[in-house]
Structures are given as structure tokens and as C-alpha cells.
PDB file of all heavy atoms in Angstrom:
ATOM      1  N   ALA A   1       0.824  -1.193   0.005  1.00  0.00           N
ATOM      2  CA  ALA A   1       0.004   0.004   0.003  1.00  0.00           C
ATOM      3  C   ALA A   1       0.852   1.261  -0.011  1.00  0.00           C
ATOM      4  O   ALA A   1       0.506   2.262  -0.643  1.00  0.00           O
ATOM      5  CB  ALA A   1      -0.949   0.005   1.187  1.00  0.00           C
ATOM      6  N   LYS A   2       1.985   1.213   0.719  1.00  0.00           N
ATOM      7  CA  LYS A   2       2.894   2.334   0.771  1.00  0.00           C
ATOM      8  C   LYS A   2       3.934   2.307  -0.352  1.00  0.00           C
ATOM      9  O   LYS A   2       4.723   3.219  -0.472  1.00  0.00           O
ATOM     10  CB  LYS A   2       3.609   2.391   2.126  1.00  0.00           C
ATOM     11  CG  LYS A   2       2.669   2.659   3.299  1.00  0.00           C
ATOM     12  CD  LYS A   2       3.449   2.732   4.601  1.00  0.00           C
ATOM     13  CE  LYS A   2       2.489   3.073   5.749  1.00  0.00           C
ATOM     14  NZ  LYS A   2       3.236   3.122   7.048  1.00  0.00           N
ATOM     15  N   ARG A   3       3.917   1.195  -1.115  1.00  0.00           N
ATOM     16  CA  ARG A   3       4.879   1.011  -2.192  1.00  0.00           C
ATOM     17  C   ARG A   3       6.327   1.194  -1.684  1.00  0.00           C
ATOM     18  O   ARG A   3       7.102   1.911  -2.269  1.00  0.00           O
ATOM     19  CB  ARG A   3       4.573   2.004  -3.336  1.00  0.00           C
ATOM     20  CG  ARG A   3       3.186   1.803  -3.928  1.00  0.00           C
ATOM     21  CD  ARG A   3       2.880   2.830  -5.017  1.00  0.00           C
ATOM     22  NE  ARG A   3       3.783   2.738  -6.147  1.00  0.00           N
ATOM     23  CZ  ARG A   3       3.649   1.868  -7.159  1.00  0.00           C
ATOM     24  NH1 ARG A   3       2.633   1.019  -7.174  1.00  0.00           N
ATOM     25  NH2 ARG A   3       4.539   1.862  -8.118  1.00  0.00           N
ATOM     26  N   THR A   4       6.604   0.493  -0.626  1.00  0.00           N
ATOM     27  CA  THR A   4       7.897   0.609   0.022  1.00  0.00           C
ATOM     28  C   THR A   4       8.408  -0.785   0.386  1.00  0.00           C
ATOM     29  O   THR A   4       7.638  -1.613   0.878  1.00  0.00           O
ATOM     30  CB  THR A   4       7.854   1.485   1.301  1.00  0.00           C
ATOM     31  OG1 THR A   4       7.382   2.767   0.932  1.00  0.00           O
ATOM     32  CG2 THR A   4       9.218   1.575   1.950  1.00  0.00           C
ATOM     33  N   VAL A   5       9.695  -1.028   0.148  1.00  0.00           N
ATOM     34  CA  VAL A   5      10.353  -2.251   0.558  1.00  0.00           C
ATOM     35  C   VAL A   5      11.405  -1.882   1.589  1.00  0.00           C
ATOM     36  O   VAL A   5      12.121  -0.897   1.451  1.00  0.00           O
ATOM     37  CB  VAL A   5      10.993  -2.943  -0.657  1.00  0.00           C
ATOM     38  CG1 VAL A   5      11.836  -4.140  -0.257  1.00  0.00           C
ATOM     39  CG2 VAL A   5       9.917  -3.417  -1.650  1.00  0.00           C
ATOM     40  N   TYR A   6      11.510  -2.733   2.602  1.00  0.00           N
ATOM     41  CA  TYR A   6      12.444  -2.518   3.723  1.00  0.00           C
ATOM     42  C   TYR A   6      13.458  -3.627   3.751  1.00  0.00           C
ATOM     43  O   TYR A   6      13.220  -4.762   3.374  1.00  0.00           O
ATOM     44  CB  TYR A   6      11.711  -2.426   5.034  1.00  0.00           C
ATOM     45  CG  TYR A   6      10.593  -1.445   5.077  1.00  0.00           C
ATOM     46  CD1 TYR A   6       9.264  -1.810   4.811  1.00  0.00           C
ATOM     47  CD2 TYR A   6      10.817  -0.085   5.361  1.00  0.00           C
ATOM     48  CE1 TYR A   6       8.227  -0.908   4.845  1.00  0.00           C
ATOM     49  CE2 TYR A   6       9.828   0.862   5.362  1.00  0.00           C
ATOM     50  CZ  TYR A   6       8.501   0.427   5.124  1.00  0.00           C
ATOM     51  OH  TYR A   6       7.514   1.381   5.146  1.00  0.00           O
ATOM     52  N   LEU A   7      14.628  -3.289   4.264  1.00  0.00           N
ATOM     53  CA  LEU A   7      15.655  -4.272   4.595  1.00  0.00           C
ATOM     54  C   LEU A   7      16.114  -4.035   5.988  1.00  0.00           C
ATOM     55  O   LEU A   7      16.833  -3.037   6.302  1.00  0.00           O
ATOM     56  CB  LEU A   7      16.839  -4.195   3.636  1.00  0.00           C
ATOM     57  CG  LEU A   7      17.893  -5.267   3.801  1.00  0.00           C
ATOM     58  CD1 LEU A   7      17.333  -6.653   3.459  1.00  0.00           C
ATOM     59  CD2 LEU A   7      19.138  -4.980   2.957  1.00  0.00           C
ATOM     60  N   GLN A   8      15.667  -4.891   6.912  1.00  0.00           N
ATOM     61  CA  GLN A   8      16.085  -4.809   8.325  1.00  0.00           C
ATOM     62  C   GLN A   8      17.398  -5.582   8.447  1.00  0.00           C
ATOM     63  O   GLN A   8      17.458  -6.783   8.186  1.00  0.00           O
ATOM     64  CB  GLN A   8      15.060  -5.400   9.242  1.00  0.00           C
ATOM     65  CG  GLN A   8      15.452  -5.369  10.726  1.00  0.00           C
ATOM     66  CD  GLN A   8      15.564  -3.975  11.286  1.00  0.00           C
ATOM     67  OE1 GLN A   8      14.669  -3.154  11.050  1.00  0.00           O
ATOM     68  NE2 GLN A   8      16.634  -3.704  11.994  1.00  0.00           N
ATOM     69  N   MET A   9      18.461  -4.883   8.849  1.00  0.00           N
ATOM     70  CA  MET A   9      19.790  -5.470   8.952  1.00  0.00           C
ATOM     71  C   MET A   9      20.207  -5.535  10.397  1.00  0.00           C
ATOM     72  O   MET A   9      20.350  -4.486  11.034  1.00  0.00           O
ATOM     73  CB  MET A   9      20.812  -4.667   8.130  1.00  0.00           C
ATOM     74  CG  MET A   9      20.400  -4.486   6.653  1.00  0.00           C
ATOM     75  SD  MET A   9      21.671  -3.681   5.688  1.00  0.00           S
ATOM     76  CE  MET A   9      21.678  -2.028   6.468  1.00  0.00           C
ATOM     77  N   ASN A  10      20.359  -6.725  10.898  1.00  0.00           N
ATOM     78  CA  ASN A  10      20.789  -6.939  12.294  1.00  0.00           C
ATOM     79  C   ASN A  10      22.146  -7.646  12.314  1.00  0.00           C
ATOM     80  O   ASN A  10      22.581  -8.222  11.324  1.00  0.00           O
ATOM     81  CB  ASN A  10      19.758  -7.782  13.010  1.00  0.00           C
ATOM     82  CG  ASN A  10      18.399  -7.151  13.132  1.00  0.00           C
ATOM     83  OD1 ASN A  10      18.270  -5.921  13.232  1.00  0.00           O
ATOM     84  ND2 ASN A  10      17.330  -7.968  13.084  1.00  0.00           N
ATOM     85  N   SER A  11      22.765  -7.581  13.435  1.00  0.00           N
ATOM     86  CA  SER A  11      24.078  -8.241  13.663  1.00  0.00           C
ATOM     87  C   SER A  11      25.038  -7.855  12.552  1.00  0.00           C
ATOM     88  O   SER A  11      25.706  -8.731  11.975  1.00  0.00           O
ATOM     89  CB  SER A  11      23.894  -9.754  13.728  1.00  0.00           C
ATOM     90  OG  SER A  11      23.052 -10.142  14.797  1.00  0.00           O
ATOM     91  N   LEU A  12      25.144  -6.602  12.264  1.00  0.00           N
ATOM     92  CA  LEU A  12      25.977  -6.148  11.167  1.00  0.00           C
ATOM     93  C   LEU A  12      27.450  -6.391  11.404  1.00  0.00           C
ATOM     94  O   LEU A  12      27.934  -6.295  12.533  1.00  0.00           O
ATOM     95  CB  LEU A  12      25.735  -4.650  10.937  1.00  0.00           C
ATOM     96  CG  LEU A  12      24.429  -4.319  10.192  1.00  0.00           C
ATOM     97  CD1 LEU A  12      24.025  -2.864  10.394  1.00  0.00           C
ATOM     98  CD2 LEU A  12      24.556  -4.635   8.705  1.00  0.00           C
ATOM     99  N   LYS A  13      28.114  -6.707  10.348  1.00  0.00           N
ATOM    100  CA  LYS A  13      29.520  -7.053  10.364  1.00  0.00           C
ATOM    101  C   LYS A  13      30.303  -6.034   9.481  1.00  0.00           C
ATOM    102  O   LYS A  13      29.709  -5.464   8.578  1.00  0.00           O
ATOM    103  CB  LYS A  13      29.784  -8.456   9.825  1.00  0.00           C
ATOM    104  CG  LYS A  13      29.049  -9.523  10.522  1.00  0.00           C
ATOM    105  CD  LYS A  13      29.215 -10.889   9.821  1.00  0.00           C
ATOM    106  CE  LYS A  13      28.459 -11.996  10.501  1.00  0.00           C
ATOM    107  NZ  LYS A  13      28.655 -13.297   9.804  1.00  0.00           N
ATOM    108  N   PRO A  14      31.573  -5.840   9.783  1.00  0.00           N
ATOM    109  CA  PRO A  14      32.350  -4.890   8.921  1.00  0.00           C
ATOM    110  C   PRO A  14      32.280  -5.249   7.442  1.00  0.00           C
ATOM    111  O   PRO A  14      32.266  -4.345   6.558  1.00  0.00           O
ATOM    112  CB  PRO A  14      33.765  -5.024   9.457  1.00  0.00           C
ATOM    113  CG  PRO A  14      33.564  -5.369  10.903  1.00  0.00           C
ATOM    114  CD  PRO A  14      32.358  -6.265  10.920  1.00  0.00           C
ATOM    115  N   GLU A  15      32.201  -6.536   7.117  1.00  0.00           N
ATOM    116  CA  GLU A  15      32.108  -6.948   5.712  1.00  0.00           C
ATOM    117  C   GLU A  15      30.790  -6.606   5.051  1.00  0.00           C
ATOM    118  O   GLU A  15      30.626  -6.778   3.876  1.00  0.00           O
ATOM    119  CB  GLU A  15      32.406  -8.447   5.554  1.00  0.00           C
ATOM    120  CG  GLU A  15      31.558  -9.325   6.443  1.00  0.00           C
ATOM    121  CD  GLU A  15      32.279  -9.753   7.702  1.00  0.00           C
ATOM    122  OE1 GLU A  15      32.954  -8.849   8.336  1.00  0.00           O
ATOM    123  OE2 GLU A  15      32.238 -10.963   8.073  1.00  0.00           O
ATOM    124  N   ASP A  16      29.803  -6.107   5.827  1.00  0.00           N
ATOM    125  CA  ASP A  16      28.560  -5.640   5.260  1.00  0.00           C
ATOM    126  C   ASP A  16      28.682  -4.229   4.724  1.00  0.00           C
ATOM    127  O   ASP A  16      27.762  -3.723   4.082  1.00  0.00           O
ATOM    128  CB  ASP A  16      27.429  -5.693   6.289  1.00  0.00           C
ATOM    129  CG  ASP A  16      27.091  -7.087   6.725  1.00  0.00           C
ATOM    130  OD1 ASP A  16      27.010  -7.991   5.849  1.00  0.00           O
ATOM    131  OD2 ASP A  16      26.837  -7.277   7.909  1.00  0.00           O
ATOM    132  N   THR A  17      29.802  -3.573   4.975  1.00  0.00           N
ATOM    133  CA  THR A  17      30.019  -2.194   4.509  1.00  0.00           C
ATOM    134  C   THR A  17      29.972  -2.157   3.008  1.00  0.00           C
ATOM    135  O   THR A  17      30.670  -2.872   2.294  1.00  0.00           O
ATOM    136  CB  THR A  17      31.367  -1.663   4.995  1.00  0.00           C
ATOM    137  OG1 THR A  17      31.370  -1.552   6.424  1.00  0.00           O
ATOM    138  CG2 THR A  17      31.670  -0.272   4.422  1.00  0.00           C
ATOM    139  N   ALA A  18      29.079  -1.313   2.467  1.00  0.00           N
ATOM    140  CA  ALA A  18      28.890  -1.200   1.019  1.00  0.00           C
ATOM    141  C   ALA A  18      27.897  -0.123   0.753  1.00  0.00           C
ATOM    142  O   ALA A  18      27.196   0.344   1.626  1.00  0.00           O
ATOM    143  CB  ALA A  18      28.387  -2.547   0.454  1.00  0.00           C
ATOM    144  N   VAL A  19      27.793   0.242  -0.526  1.00  0.00           N
ATOM    145  CA  VAL A  19      26.679   1.054  -1.018  1.00  0.00           C
ATOM    146  C   VAL A  19      25.581   0.072  -1.351  1.00  0.00           C
ATOM    147  O   VAL A  19      25.786  -0.895  -2.066  1.00  0.00           O
ATOM    148  CB  VAL A  19      27.072   1.867  -2.247  1.00  0.00           C
ATOM    149  CG1 VAL A  19      25.826   2.585  -2.773  1.00  0.00           C
ATOM    150  CG2 VAL A  19      28.162   2.839  -1.966  1.00  0.00           C
ATOM    151  N   TYR A  20      24.402   0.284  -0.776  1.00  0.00           N
ATOM    152  CA  TYR A  20      23.260  -0.543  -0.986  1.00  0.00           C
ATOM    153  C   TYR A  20      22.314   0.093  -1.958  1.00  0.00           C
ATOM    154  O   TYR A  20      21.936   1.258  -1.810  1.00  0.00           O
ATOM    155  CB  TYR A  20      22.547  -0.810   0.339  1.00  0.00           C
ATOM    156  CG  TYR A  20      23.255  -1.830   1.203  1.00  0.00           C
ATOM    157  CD1 TYR A  20      24.459  -1.518   1.835  1.00  0.00           C
ATOM    158  CD2 TYR A  20      22.771  -3.111   1.395  1.00  0.00           C
ATOM    159  CE1 TYR A  20      25.125  -2.436   2.605  1.00  0.00           C
ATOM    160  CE2 TYR A  20      23.431  -4.053   2.191  1.00  0.00           C
ATOM    161  CZ  TYR A  20      24.600  -3.688   2.789  1.00  0.00           C
ATOM    162  OH  TYR A  20      25.282  -4.633   3.568  1.00  0.00           O
ATOM    163  N   TYR A  21      21.898  -0.658  -2.968  1.00  0.00           N
ATOM    164  CA  TYR A  21      20.982  -0.233  -4.008  1.00  0.00           C
ATOM    165  C   TYR A  21      19.718  -1.033  -3.984  1.00  0.00           C
ATOM    166  O   TYR A  21      19.724  -2.233  -3.764  1.00  0.00           O
ATOM    167  CB  TYR A  21      21.606  -0.394  -5.399  1.00  0.00           C
ATOM    168  CG  TYR A  21      22.914   0.335  -5.603  1.00  0.00           C
ATOM    169  CD1 TYR A  21      24.147  -0.280  -5.287  1.00  0.00           C
ATOM    170  CD2 TYR A  21      22.953   1.605  -6.163  1.00  0.00           C
ATOM    171  CE1 TYR A  21      25.370   0.385  -5.487  1.00  0.00           C
ATOM    172  CE2 TYR A  21      24.159   2.233  -6.397  1.00  0.00           C
ATOM    173  CZ  TYR A  21      25.361   1.616  -6.054  1.00  0.00           C
ATOM    174  OH  TYR A  21      26.556   2.241  -6.272  1.00  0.00           O
ATOM    175  N   CYS A  22      18.593  -0.376  -4.238  1.00  0.00           N
ATOM    176  CA  CYS A  22      17.385  -1.127  -4.530  1.00  0.00           C
ATOM    177  C   CYS A  22      17.140  -1.088  -6.032  1.00  0.00           C
ATOM    178  O   CYS A  22      17.520  -0.148  -6.725  1.00  0.00           O
ATOM    179  CB  CYS A  22      16.163  -0.598  -3.748  1.00  0.00           C
ATOM    180  SG  CYS A  22      15.663   1.092  -4.061  1.00  0.00           S
ATOM    181  N   ALA A  23      16.590  -2.143  -6.547  1.00  0.00           N
ATOM    182  CA  ALA A  23      16.353  -2.317  -7.962  1.00  0.00           C
ATOM    183  C   ALA A  23      15.099  -3.103  -8.180  1.00  0.00           C
ATOM    184  O   ALA A  23      14.584  -3.826  -7.280  1.00  0.00           O
ATOM    185  CB  ALA A  23      17.562  -3.006  -8.612  1.00  0.00           C
ATOM    186  N   ALA A  24      14.547  -3.029  -9.410  1.00  0.00           N
ATOM    187  CA  ALA A  24      13.306  -3.702  -9.719  1.00  0.00           C
ATOM    188  C   ALA A  24      13.401  -4.400 -11.089  1.00  0.00           C
ATOM    189  O   ALA A  24      14.098  -3.922 -12.006  1.00  0.00           O
ATOM    190  CB  ALA A  24      12.152  -2.712  -9.756  1.00  0.00           C
ATOM    191  N   VAL A  25      12.721  -5.528 -11.206  1.00  0.00           N
ATOM    192  CA  VAL A  25      12.633  -6.240 -12.446  1.00  0.00           C
ATOM    193  C   VAL A  25      11.250  -6.821 -12.568  1.00  0.00           C
ATOM    194  O   VAL A  25      10.616  -7.202 -11.583  1.00  0.00           O
ATOM    195  CB  VAL A  25      13.722  -7.347 -12.549  1.00  0.00           C
ATOM    196  CG1 VAL A  25      13.488  -8.430 -11.470  1.00  0.00           C
ATOM    197  CG2 VAL A  25      13.733  -7.998 -13.942  1.00  0.00           C
TER     198      VAL A  25
END
């Protein structure tokens, strides 16, 4: 309804460091 996608990220690690992109297909 809100046309929104979420990514809940827990227990983050240094190797998770990045630019995060959302994309659609």
C-alpha cells in the first residue's frame, strides 16, 4: 500500500560495509 520495501539489517559485520541499491525487475 505504501509502495515501500524494507531491509532490516541486524548483527551487522564490517564486511557488510557497502553502497546498498534497490532495484526492480
